[in-house]
Protein backbone atom coordinates (compact mmCIF):
# COMPACT_ATOMS: atom_id res chain seq x y z
CA MET A 1 -101.19 230.16 -22.01
CA GLU A 2 -101.29 232.99 -24.27
CA VAL A 3 -98.67 235.84 -23.19
CA PRO A 4 -99.66 239.42 -24.98
CA PRO A 5 -96.79 240.50 -27.33
CA MET A 6 -94.38 242.80 -25.87
CA GLU A 7 -92.94 244.02 -29.16
CA GLN A 8 -96.37 244.41 -30.87
CA GLN A 9 -95.78 248.02 -32.00
CA GLN A 10 -91.98 247.78 -32.29
CA THR A 11 -89.98 247.32 -35.50
CA ALA A 12 -86.99 245.00 -35.23
CA ASN A 13 -84.41 247.75 -35.10
CA GLU A 14 -86.23 249.21 -31.95
CA LEU A 15 -85.85 246.31 -30.04
CA THR A 16 -83.24 246.43 -27.23
CA VAL A 17 -81.11 243.30 -26.31
CA SER A 18 -79.91 243.13 -22.98
CA ILE A 19 -76.72 240.80 -22.48
CA ILE A 20 -76.43 240.01 -18.66
CA ILE A 21 -72.98 238.31 -17.89
CA ASN A 22 -73.14 236.35 -14.72
CA ASN A 23 -69.79 235.99 -13.29
CA TYR A 24 -67.92 234.19 -10.28
CA ASN A 25 -64.16 234.26 -10.32
CA TYR A 26 -63.94 233.84 -14.04
CA ASP A 27 -61.43 236.64 -14.47
CA ARG A 28 -59.45 234.65 -17.01
CA PHE A 29 -62.65 234.40 -19.33
CA LEU A 30 -64.67 237.59 -18.38
CA ALA A 31 -62.99 240.30 -20.71
CA GLN A 32 -63.65 237.85 -23.87
CA ALA A 33 -67.30 237.77 -22.53
CA ILE A 34 -67.68 241.24 -22.22
CA ASP A 35 -65.96 242.28 -25.46
CA SER A 36 -68.16 239.70 -27.24
CA ALA A 37 -71.43 241.59 -25.91
CA LEU A 38 -69.76 244.83 -26.38
CA ASN A 39 -68.69 244.11 -29.96
CA GLN A 40 -72.30 243.07 -31.29
CA THR A 41 -73.15 244.33 -34.93
CA TYR A 42 -76.69 245.01 -33.61
CA PRO A 43 -76.77 248.83 -32.03
CA ASN A 44 -79.40 248.52 -29.57
CA ILE A 45 -77.43 246.70 -26.79
CA GLU A 46 -77.18 246.91 -23.12
CA VAL A 47 -74.61 245.00 -21.28
CA ILE A 48 -75.00 244.19 -17.56
CA VAL A 49 -72.34 242.41 -15.51
CA VAL A 50 -73.24 240.83 -12.33
CA ASP A 51 -70.37 239.66 -10.19
CA ASP A 52 -71.41 237.12 -7.58
CA GLY A 53 -68.82 237.93 -5.04
CA SER A 54 -65.55 236.95 -6.96
CA THR A 55 -62.35 236.94 -5.00
CA ASP A 56 -60.16 237.03 -8.11
CA ALA A 57 -59.56 239.85 -10.30
CA SER A 58 -62.87 240.01 -11.67
CA ARG A 59 -63.96 243.20 -10.20
CA GLN A 60 -60.98 245.29 -11.54
CA ILE A 61 -61.59 243.85 -15.16
CA ILE A 62 -65.13 244.97 -14.63
CA ALA A 63 -64.12 248.72 -13.26
CA GLY A 64 -61.74 248.89 -16.52
CA TYR A 65 -64.75 248.99 -19.01
CA GLY A 66 -66.39 252.02 -17.11
CA ASP A 67 -69.71 253.54 -18.42
CA ALA A 68 -69.37 250.95 -21.31
CA ILE A 69 -71.11 248.29 -19.12
CA LYS A 70 -73.63 248.56 -16.25
CA PRO A 71 -71.95 246.95 -13.26
CA VAL A 72 -73.98 244.86 -10.51
CA LEU A 73 -71.99 243.92 -7.53
CA GLN A 74 -73.40 241.32 -4.97
CA PRO A 75 -72.06 239.31 -2.28
CA ASN A 76 -71.67 235.60 -3.15
CA SER A 77 -75.45 234.64 -3.46
CA LYS A 78 -75.49 232.07 -6.22
CA GLN A 79 -76.86 231.91 -9.81
CA GLY A 80 -80.63 232.56 -9.01
CA ILE A 81 -79.99 235.92 -7.30
CA ALA A 82 -77.51 237.01 -10.06
CA PHE A 83 -80.25 236.44 -12.76
CA ASN A 84 -82.69 238.17 -10.53
CA ASN A 85 -80.53 241.42 -9.90
CA GLY A 86 -79.55 241.32 -13.51
CA PHE A 87 -83.05 241.07 -14.80
CA HIS A 88 -84.04 243.90 -12.35
CA HIS A 89 -81.30 246.36 -13.53
CA SER A 90 -82.18 245.38 -17.30
CA SER A 91 -84.51 247.41 -19.45
CA GLY A 92 -84.31 245.23 -22.83
CA ASP A 93 -87.03 243.58 -24.50
CA ILE A 94 -84.95 240.54 -25.39
CA ILE A 95 -82.62 239.13 -22.68
CA ILE A 96 -79.60 237.01 -23.00
CA PHE A 97 -77.84 235.45 -19.91
CA LEU A 98 -74.37 235.17 -21.03
CA ASP A 99 -71.97 232.75 -18.58
CA ALA A 100 -68.92 234.43 -18.20
CA ASP A 101 -66.91 231.63 -19.51
CA ASP A 102 -68.71 231.63 -22.75
CA TYR A 103 -68.69 234.28 -25.32
CA LEU A 104 -70.97 235.43 -28.47
CA GLU A 105 -70.42 235.72 -32.08
CA PRO A 106 -70.42 239.36 -33.15
CA GLN A 107 -73.68 238.51 -35.29
CA ALA A 108 -75.40 237.00 -32.33
CA ALA A 109 -77.86 239.84 -31.32
CA ALA A 110 -78.64 240.85 -35.11
CA THR A 111 -79.50 237.45 -35.90
CA ILE A 112 -81.57 237.23 -32.90
CA VAL A 113 -83.65 240.25 -33.77
CA ALA A 114 -84.00 239.56 -37.30
CA ALA A 115 -85.70 236.38 -36.50
CA TRP A 116 -87.72 237.43 -33.51
CA LYS A 117 -91.63 237.54 -33.75
CA PRO A 118 -94.24 238.96 -31.42
CA GLY A 119 -95.29 236.68 -28.89
CA LEU A 120 -92.17 234.60 -28.52
CA ALA A 121 -91.12 233.24 -25.18
CA LYS A 122 -87.55 232.87 -26.56
CA ILE A 123 -85.26 232.05 -29.40
CA HIS A 124 -82.57 229.32 -28.52
CA TYR A 125 -79.69 228.72 -30.93
CA ARG A 126 -76.58 226.38 -31.15
CA LEU A 127 -73.38 226.92 -29.26
CA ARG A 128 -70.12 225.91 -30.61
CA VAL A 129 -68.08 224.03 -28.42
CA VAL A 130 -64.59 225.38 -27.33
CA ASP A 131 -61.97 224.43 -25.05
CA ALA A 132 -60.26 226.45 -22.23
CA GLU A 133 -58.28 228.48 -24.80
CA GLY A 134 -61.16 229.22 -27.14
CA GLN A 135 -60.30 226.88 -29.51
CA PRO A 136 -63.13 224.81 -31.51
CA SER A 137 -63.52 221.25 -30.68
CA GLY A 138 -65.27 220.81 -34.18
CA VAL A 139 -68.68 220.08 -32.83
CA SER A 140 -71.91 222.30 -31.82
CA TYR A 141 -74.24 221.89 -28.76
CA PRO A 142 -76.50 219.84 -29.09
CA GLN A 143 -74.46 217.45 -31.21
CA ALA A 144 -77.14 214.88 -32.67
CA ASN A 145 -80.70 216.78 -32.41
CA GLN A 146 -82.24 219.75 -34.11
CA LEU A 147 -83.32 222.24 -31.51
CA SER A 148 -87.01 222.14 -30.69
CA GLN A 149 -89.24 224.91 -31.67
CA GLY A 150 -92.79 226.01 -32.20
CA ASP A 151 -95.59 225.53 -29.22
CA LEU A 152 -93.79 223.11 -26.74
CA THR A 153 -96.35 223.21 -24.11
CA GLN A 154 -97.41 219.69 -24.44
CA ILE A 155 -93.69 218.22 -25.17
CA VAL A 156 -92.75 220.13 -21.69
CA ILE A 157 -95.73 218.86 -19.97
CA ASN A 158 -95.40 215.15 -21.13
CA PHE A 159 -91.60 214.80 -21.11
CA GLY A 160 -90.20 217.59 -18.73
CA SER A 161 -87.68 218.24 -21.50
CA TYR A 162 -86.69 219.16 -25.20
CA ALA A 163 -83.91 219.65 -27.30
CA GLY A 164 -82.18 222.86 -26.07
CA VAL A 165 -78.95 224.45 -25.28
CA PRO A 166 -77.21 225.67 -21.88
CA THR A 167 -77.67 229.17 -20.71
CA SER A 168 -75.81 231.24 -23.01
CA GLY A 169 -77.81 229.80 -25.93
CA ASN A 170 -81.15 231.37 -24.94
CA ALA A 171 -82.33 234.96 -25.90
CA LEU A 172 -85.49 235.35 -23.76
CA SER A 173 -88.58 237.58 -23.92
CA ARG A 174 -89.15 240.04 -21.13
CA THR A 175 -92.58 239.90 -21.36
CA ALA A 176 -92.53 236.02 -20.72
CA MET A 177 -89.81 236.34 -18.26
CA THR A 178 -92.43 238.48 -16.00
CA GLN A 179 -94.36 235.54 -15.66
CA VAL A 180 -91.59 233.42 -13.86
CA PHE A 181 -89.55 235.99 -12.01
CA PRO A 182 -88.16 236.11 -9.41
CA ILE A 183 -86.29 232.83 -9.44
CA PRO A 184 -87.10 231.36 -6.24
CA ASP A 185 -84.40 230.38 -3.73
CA ALA A 186 -84.94 226.74 -4.21
CA PHE A 187 -83.37 227.28 -7.82
CA LYS A 188 -80.64 229.90 -6.67
CA SER A 189 -77.77 227.36 -7.96
CA THR A 190 -79.98 225.96 -11.05
CA ALA A 191 -81.52 229.07 -12.18
CA ASP A 192 -80.85 227.83 -15.85
CA ASP A 193 -83.00 224.49 -15.37
CA TYR A 194 -85.87 226.83 -13.86
CA LEU A 195 -85.99 229.25 -16.95
CA SER A 196 -85.45 226.04 -19.29
CA VAL A 197 -88.52 224.29 -18.10
CA LEU A 198 -91.07 227.31 -17.40
CA MET A 199 -90.32 229.52 -20.45
CA PRO A 200 -92.01 227.32 -23.13
CA LEU A 201 -94.95 227.28 -21.14
CA TYR A 202 -95.37 231.10 -21.81
CA GLY A 203 -95.13 231.22 -25.73
CA PRO A 204 -93.59 229.68 -28.60
CA VAL A 205 -90.08 228.83 -29.15
CA GLU A 206 -87.94 229.65 -32.11
CA ALA A 207 -84.80 227.83 -33.10
CA ILE A 208 -81.67 229.24 -34.93
CA GLU A 209 -79.36 226.28 -35.88
CA GLU A 210 -76.38 228.61 -36.55
CA PRO A 211 -74.09 228.50 -33.82
CA LEU A 212 -74.30 232.18 -32.34
CA GLY A 213 -72.34 231.46 -29.15
CA ASN A 214 -69.27 229.56 -27.92
CA TYR A 215 -69.62 227.20 -25.00
CA ARG A 216 -66.33 226.62 -23.15
CA ILE A 217 -65.34 223.20 -21.74
CA HIS A 218 -62.71 223.60 -18.81
CA THR A 219 -62.07 222.16 -15.56
CA ASN A 220 -63.92 224.89 -13.41
CA ASN A 221 -67.13 224.43 -15.18
CA GLN A 222 -69.50 222.21 -13.25
CA TRP A 223 -71.57 221.08 -16.14
CA ALA A 224 -69.20 220.69 -18.88
CA LEU A 225 -67.48 217.37 -18.76
CA ALA A 226 -63.77 218.31 -18.89
CA THR A 227 -62.93 215.80 -16.59
CA PHE A 228 -65.01 212.49 -16.09
CA SER A 229 -66.77 212.54 -12.77
CA CYS A 230 -69.80 210.65 -11.21
CA ASP A 231 -70.47 213.88 -9.22
CA ARG A 232 -71.70 215.24 -12.46
CA PHE A 233 -74.52 212.34 -13.07
CA ARG A 234 -75.62 213.00 -9.49
CA ARG A 235 -75.99 216.60 -10.01
CA PHE A 236 -77.98 215.87 -12.86
CA ILE A 237 -80.00 213.44 -11.11
CA SER A 238 -80.92 215.83 -8.23
CA HIS A 239 -81.45 218.65 -10.51
CA ASP A 240 -83.69 216.63 -12.72
CA ARG A 241 -85.98 215.59 -10.05
CA GLN A 242 -86.30 219.21 -8.74
CA ARG A 243 -87.21 220.12 -12.61
CA CYS A 244 -90.08 217.46 -12.60
CA ASP A 245 -91.46 218.77 -9.26
CA LEU A 246 -91.46 222.35 -10.38
CA LEU A 247 -93.03 221.09 -13.52
CA LYS A 248 -95.81 219.54 -11.63
CA ILE A 249 -96.71 222.47 -9.63
CA ARG A 250 -96.50 225.03 -12.28
CA ALA A 251 -98.34 222.95 -14.75
CA ALA A 252 -101.18 222.45 -12.37
CA THR A 253 -101.70 226.22 -11.63
CA LEU A 254 -102.00 226.55 -15.68
CA GLY A 255 -104.33 223.77 -15.96
CA TYR A 256 -102.44 220.88 -17.43
CA THR A 257 -101.70 217.41 -16.10
CA VAL A 258 -98.32 215.87 -15.94
CA PRO A 259 -98.23 212.08 -16.81
CA GLN A 260 -97.21 209.95 -13.70
CA ASP A 261 -94.60 208.20 -15.54
CA LEU A 262 -92.75 211.49 -16.38
CA GLU A 263 -89.57 210.72 -14.93
CA TYR A 264 -89.46 207.55 -17.34
CA ARG A 265 -90.20 209.32 -20.52
CA PHE A 266 -87.03 211.14 -21.55
CA PHE A 267 -83.99 208.76 -22.08
CA GLY A 268 -81.57 211.43 -21.18
CA ARG A 269 -82.50 211.29 -17.79
CA ILE A 270 -82.59 207.47 -17.46
CA TRP A 271 -78.96 207.31 -18.96
CA SER A 272 -77.64 209.74 -16.16
CA ARG A 273 -79.35 207.21 -13.63
CA LEU A 274 -78.00 204.35 -15.24
CA ALA A 275 -74.47 205.80 -15.69
CA SER A 276 -74.35 206.96 -11.79
CA LEU A 277 -75.53 203.46 -10.72
CA LYS A 278 -73.07 201.49 -12.64
CA LEU A 279 -70.05 203.55 -12.06
CA GLU A 280 -70.52 204.46 -8.23
CA PRO A 281 -73.51 202.54 -6.88
CA GLU A 282 -72.59 203.09 -3.02
CA HIS A 283 -73.03 206.83 -4.04
CA HIS A 284 -76.01 206.47 -6.42
CA PRO A 285 -78.79 209.05 -4.84
CA VAL A 286 -81.82 206.81 -5.74
CA SER A 287 -81.78 203.51 -3.80
CA SER A 288 -84.60 201.95 -5.35
CA ASP A 289 -82.98 201.91 -8.67
CA ARG A 290 -81.64 198.87 -10.62
CA ALA A 291 -79.78 198.45 -13.61
CA ILE A 292 -82.11 196.18 -15.45
CA ALA A 293 -85.02 198.07 -14.52
CA LEU A 294 -83.36 201.45 -15.92
CA SER A 295 -82.28 199.79 -18.99
CA TYR A 296 -85.94 198.75 -19.68
CA TRP A 297 -87.11 202.20 -19.21
CA GLY A 298 -84.61 203.58 -21.10
CA ILE A 299 -85.26 201.39 -24.21
CA ARG A 300 -89.08 202.25 -23.52
CA ALA A 301 -88.41 205.69 -23.78
CA ILE A 302 -86.25 205.45 -26.83
CA LEU A 303 -88.72 203.24 -28.85
CA LYS A 304 -91.99 205.01 -27.76
CA TYR A 305 -91.09 208.51 -27.18
CA SER A 306 -87.80 209.56 -28.75
CA GLY A 307 -88.77 210.18 -32.51
CA PHE A 308 -85.49 208.62 -33.67
CA ASN A 309 -85.21 206.50 -36.89
CA SER A 310 -85.04 202.77 -36.65
CA SER A 311 -81.15 202.87 -36.87
CA LYS A 312 -80.87 205.32 -33.97
CA LYS A 313 -83.24 203.74 -31.89
CA LEU A 314 -81.28 200.42 -32.42
CA LEU A 315 -78.02 201.90 -31.40
CA TYR A 316 -79.34 203.75 -28.29
CA SER A 317 -81.30 200.44 -27.10
CA LEU A 318 -78.04 198.69 -27.47
CA TRP A 319 -76.25 200.93 -25.42
CA PHE A 320 -78.91 200.60 -22.66
CA VAL A 321 -78.63 197.03 -22.78
CA TRP A 322 -74.75 196.52 -22.88
CA VAL A 323 -74.48 199.22 -19.78
CA GLY A 324 -77.24 197.56 -18.01
CA MET A 325 -75.87 194.19 -18.11
CA MET A 326 -72.39 194.48 -18.28
CA PRO A 327 -69.79 194.59 -15.26
CA ARG A 328 -68.53 198.05 -14.77
CA PRO A 329 -65.09 197.63 -16.42
CA LEU A 330 -67.00 196.97 -19.70
CA ALA A 331 -70.00 199.45 -18.95
CA LYS A 332 -67.55 202.26 -18.38
CA PRO A 333 -66.09 202.89 -21.71
CA ALA A 334 -69.75 202.78 -23.19
CA ILE A 335 -70.74 205.43 -20.65
CA VAL A 336 -67.78 207.69 -21.40
CA TRP A 337 -67.79 207.46 -25.00
CA LEU A 338 -71.53 208.31 -25.17
CA LEU A 339 -71.72 211.10 -22.49
CA ALA A 340 -68.31 212.70 -22.79
CA PRO A 341 -67.50 212.78 -26.62
CA GLN A 342 -64.35 214.54 -26.01
CA PHE A 343 -62.81 211.26 -24.48
CA ARG A 344 -63.72 209.26 -27.13
CA PRO A 345 -60.64 207.49 -28.98
CA ARG A 346 -60.22 208.74 -32.96
CA PRO A 347 -61.26 205.42 -34.31
CA ILE A 348 -64.63 205.30 -32.23
CA GLN A 349 -65.35 209.07 -33.20
CA GLN A 350 -64.60 208.18 -36.96
CA ILE A 351 -67.19 205.21 -36.71
CA LEU A 352 -69.70 207.20 -35.10
CA THR A 353 -69.19 209.88 -37.45
CA ARG A 354 -69.62 207.29 -40.44
CA PHE A 355 -72.80 205.73 -38.67
CA ARG A 356 -74.50 209.10 -38.04
CA THR A 357 -73.78 209.88 -41.76
CA ALA A 358 -75.31 206.75 -42.87
CA ILE A 359 -78.52 206.89 -40.96
CA SER A 360 -79.13 210.51 -41.40
């Protein structure tokens, strides 16, 4: 579906960037997020801070910025409502939803605006992974793949996913956002999933491989794996099934047909299901899943749909075979080392680094 360009008559320097910071009880990180937004080298910046009913010192921190920011204070209503309220109070042509525990590089907005083209749905960019203290881990997100770009409509329709980044790594077109807002209550806890799935259906996506933001891994972040927990895989499974259902409904309204085997086409969702099943079968949310079957579907997705070179296909296929067939004590290290790289022993990390270099 073609979206009319919002910036057709505007030069790059006339575009306004709204940075909307979504905060809930992140007082120890909030000031750094706000400062990173205010200290952008690009001049046309609007900073909005949505506080979702924090009970810590967040609101005192927000008040301390005075007129430099636009505060939006709401009772605890979850991410989706915070995004809706932030968008409602914004005026920018380009919108960045910045999680309060993350922060931007000073040149982020300027780099995004310089790369912006009329009709884009969004630009996404790499995020540097940092620890709770802001110290770089040495990797950026995503680690292995280049970010997807161009017209991603068929990729989204056929796979329900693409190589992207978490919330803070996206700069969204206001025009395209009007096609998908407000975010419905069903996605009040997963608004980022909602936007990730739908935005590419309303315009092309541009990618910037330079890290323009910092993605913080800490124990209070429900998605970043600072501590290894099977709850994370179960959340992924639940939200991924919700994403697939959303895509089927929205695709139908736009005249597209989603393939019947959609949930088995992307290897990432399959390895989350296999990891959950192997580690805690008694709590696994898909009762019909079997390890051998998931291994088959995972290998099929790798070989048929991943686009990897032959060496990488072999590596990931072996992972599915190993995890699917081995007992839990032997399967768990392979799961942890693949899906939680910060827990890899240094020798394993060195071996994988050399392997990636050899096959790249």
